[in-house]
Amino acid sequence: MEINEFVIQLYHLISDQSIETYINLFENPKNEEITDSFWKNAIAFYQKVSDEDKQCFFRILKQVTIDTTAEILAILDNSAYLKNKDDDLELFFKRAPNEKINGDLVDVFLAFAEEQDKKKRDAH
């Protein structure tokens, strides 16, 4: 797998698929199966807001997934650091153990995310 393909799949898994999961959860709740008070309250909140606010809510969630993924990739790229981290990370695909793949992951990810956002804006 190439770096671009890795990042694209990561974007679709974390951003697109997780948002679809949340949309389905909030739009089609199975109230009889929900026992957790957090989710009961979250769904009750969602059901009270306008359709416009619901769309805004999902745009916010999508941006949070993008920002969080970018932050994790920045750590993997060694451009953001954890407390007490005393060594750089190196990430490799198993099939190519001599080709380091981290270093530009966050840049590739954010460029792809921006491209997807532009496509979506242009489509509307």
Protein backbone atom coordinates (compact mmCIF):
# COMPACT_ATOMS: atom_id res chain seq x y z
CA MET A 1 0.00 0.00 0.00
CA GLU A 2 1.29 3.45 -0.86
CA ILE A 3 1.23 6.39 1.55
CA ASN A 4 -1.52 8.19 -0.38
CA GLU A 5 -3.72 5.09 -0.42
CA PHE A 6 -3.13 4.58 3.31
CA VAL A 7 -4.16 8.16 4.07
CA ILE A 8 -7.21 8.01 1.77
CA GLN A 9 -8.41 4.81 3.41
CA LEU A 10 -7.80 6.31 6.85
CA TYR A 11 -9.86 9.37 5.89
CA HIS A 12 -12.76 7.28 4.60
CA LEU A 13 -12.72 4.98 7.62
CA ILE A 14 -12.42 7.61 10.32
CA SER A 15 -14.19 10.56 8.78
CA ASP A 16 -16.74 9.26 6.28
CA GLN A 17 -17.72 5.92 7.80
CA SER A 18 -17.82 7.14 11.39
CA ILE A 19 -20.01 10.10 10.42
CA GLU A 20 -22.36 7.75 8.57
CA THR A 21 -22.53 5.61 11.71
CA TYR A 22 -23.43 8.66 13.81
CA ILE A 23 -26.00 9.86 11.29
CA ASN A 24 -27.64 6.44 11.37
CA LEU A 25 -27.51 6.32 15.16
CA PHE A 26 -29.12 9.74 15.58
CA GLU A 27 -31.57 9.54 12.69
CA ASN A 28 -32.74 5.97 13.38
CA PRO A 29 -32.33 5.37 17.10
CA LYS A 30 -33.47 2.04 18.45
CA ASN A 31 -34.73 3.55 21.69
CA GLU A 32 -35.60 0.20 23.21
CA GLU A 33 -31.96 -0.91 22.85
CA ILE A 34 -30.39 2.25 24.28
CA THR A 35 -29.59 1.80 27.94
CA ASP A 36 -26.67 4.19 28.38
CA SER A 37 -27.80 7.54 29.82
CA PHE A 38 -25.25 9.47 27.74
CA TRP A 39 -26.74 8.18 24.47
CA LYS A 40 -30.31 8.63 25.69
CA ASN A 41 -29.54 12.28 26.47
CA ALA A 42 -27.60 12.80 23.23
CA ILE A 43 -30.45 11.45 21.12
CA ALA A 44 -33.02 13.46 23.08
CA PHE A 45 -30.92 16.60 22.46
CA TYR A 46 -30.60 15.80 18.75
CA GLN A 47 -34.33 15.29 18.34
CA LYS A 48 -35.00 18.79 19.75
CA VAL A 49 -32.82 20.74 17.32
CA SER A 50 -33.81 22.06 13.89
CA ASP A 51 -32.84 20.28 10.68
CA GLU A 52 -30.35 23.07 9.95
CA ASP A 53 -28.74 22.58 13.36
CA LYS A 54 -28.62 18.83 12.81
CA GLN A 55 -26.63 19.41 9.62
CA CYS A 56 -24.31 21.75 11.51
CA PHE A 57 -23.89 19.14 14.24
CA PHE A 58 -22.66 16.55 11.73
CA ARG A 59 -20.32 19.07 10.07
CA ILE A 60 -18.84 19.75 13.52
CA LEU A 61 -18.41 16.00 14.16
CA LYS A 62 -16.73 15.56 10.78
CA GLN A 63 -14.31 18.40 11.51
CA VAL A 64 -13.51 16.89 14.90
CA THR A 65 -12.67 13.56 13.25
CA ILE A 66 -10.40 15.33 10.76
CA ASP A 67 -8.67 17.43 13.43
CA THR A 68 -8.17 14.46 15.76
CA THR A 69 -6.81 12.25 12.99
CA ALA A 70 -4.47 15.03 11.88
CA GLU A 71 -3.17 15.42 15.43
CA ILE A 72 -2.45 11.68 15.70
CA LEU A 73 -0.73 11.70 12.31
CA ALA A 74 1.36 14.70 13.40
CA ILE A 75 2.55 12.64 16.37
CA LEU A 76 3.40 9.75 14.03
CA ASP A 77 5.20 12.22 11.73
CA ASN A 78 7.24 13.58 14.67
CA SER A 79 5.89 17.08 14.07
CA ALA A 80 3.85 17.03 17.30
CA TYR A 81 5.14 15.47 20.46
CA LEU A 82 3.84 13.65 23.48
CA LYS A 83 5.06 14.55 26.96
CA ASN A 84 8.27 12.81 27.93
CA LYS A 85 8.78 11.42 24.43
CA ASP A 86 12.50 10.97 24.07
CA ASP A 87 12.79 9.31 20.67
CA ASP A 88 11.43 9.80 17.17
CA LEU A 89 8.90 7.36 15.76
CA GLU A 90 9.50 5.51 12.53
CA LEU A 91 6.61 3.84 10.73
CA PHE A 92 7.02 1.22 8.00
CA PHE A 93 4.81 -1.08 5.98
CA LYS A 94 5.70 -4.70 6.66
CA ARG A 95 6.31 -5.40 2.96
CA ALA A 96 8.80 -2.52 2.68
CA PRO A 97 10.71 -2.39 5.97
CA ASN A 98 13.34 -0.03 4.57
CA GLU A 99 10.86 2.62 3.38
CA LYS A 100 9.79 4.91 6.20
CA ILE A 101 6.25 6.14 5.57
CA ASN A 102 5.87 8.75 8.26
CA GLY A 103 7.05 12.30 7.92
CA ASP A 104 4.38 13.63 5.58
CA LEU A 105 1.27 11.74 6.69
CA VAL A 106 -0.46 14.74 8.24
CA ASP A 107 0.25 16.92 5.19
CA VAL A 108 -1.08 14.29 2.78
CA PHE A 109 -4.12 13.70 5.01
CA LEU A 110 -5.00 17.39 5.34
CA ALA A 111 -4.50 17.99 1.60
CA PHE A 112 -6.89 15.11 0.86
CA ALA A 113 -9.41 16.37 3.44
CA GLU A 114 -9.30 19.84 1.88
CA GLU A 115 -9.76 18.34 -1.59
CA GLN A 116 -12.82 16.39 -0.38
CA ASP A 117 -14.26 19.52 1.24
CA LYS A 118 -13.75 21.54 -1.96
CA LYS A 119 -15.48 18.82 -4.03
CA LYS A 120 -18.41 18.86 -1.65
CA ARG A 121 -18.66 22.68 -1.76
CA ASP A 122 -18.42 22.70 -5.55
CA ALA A 123 -21.19 20.10 -5.79
CA HIS A 124 -23.57 22.36 -3.88
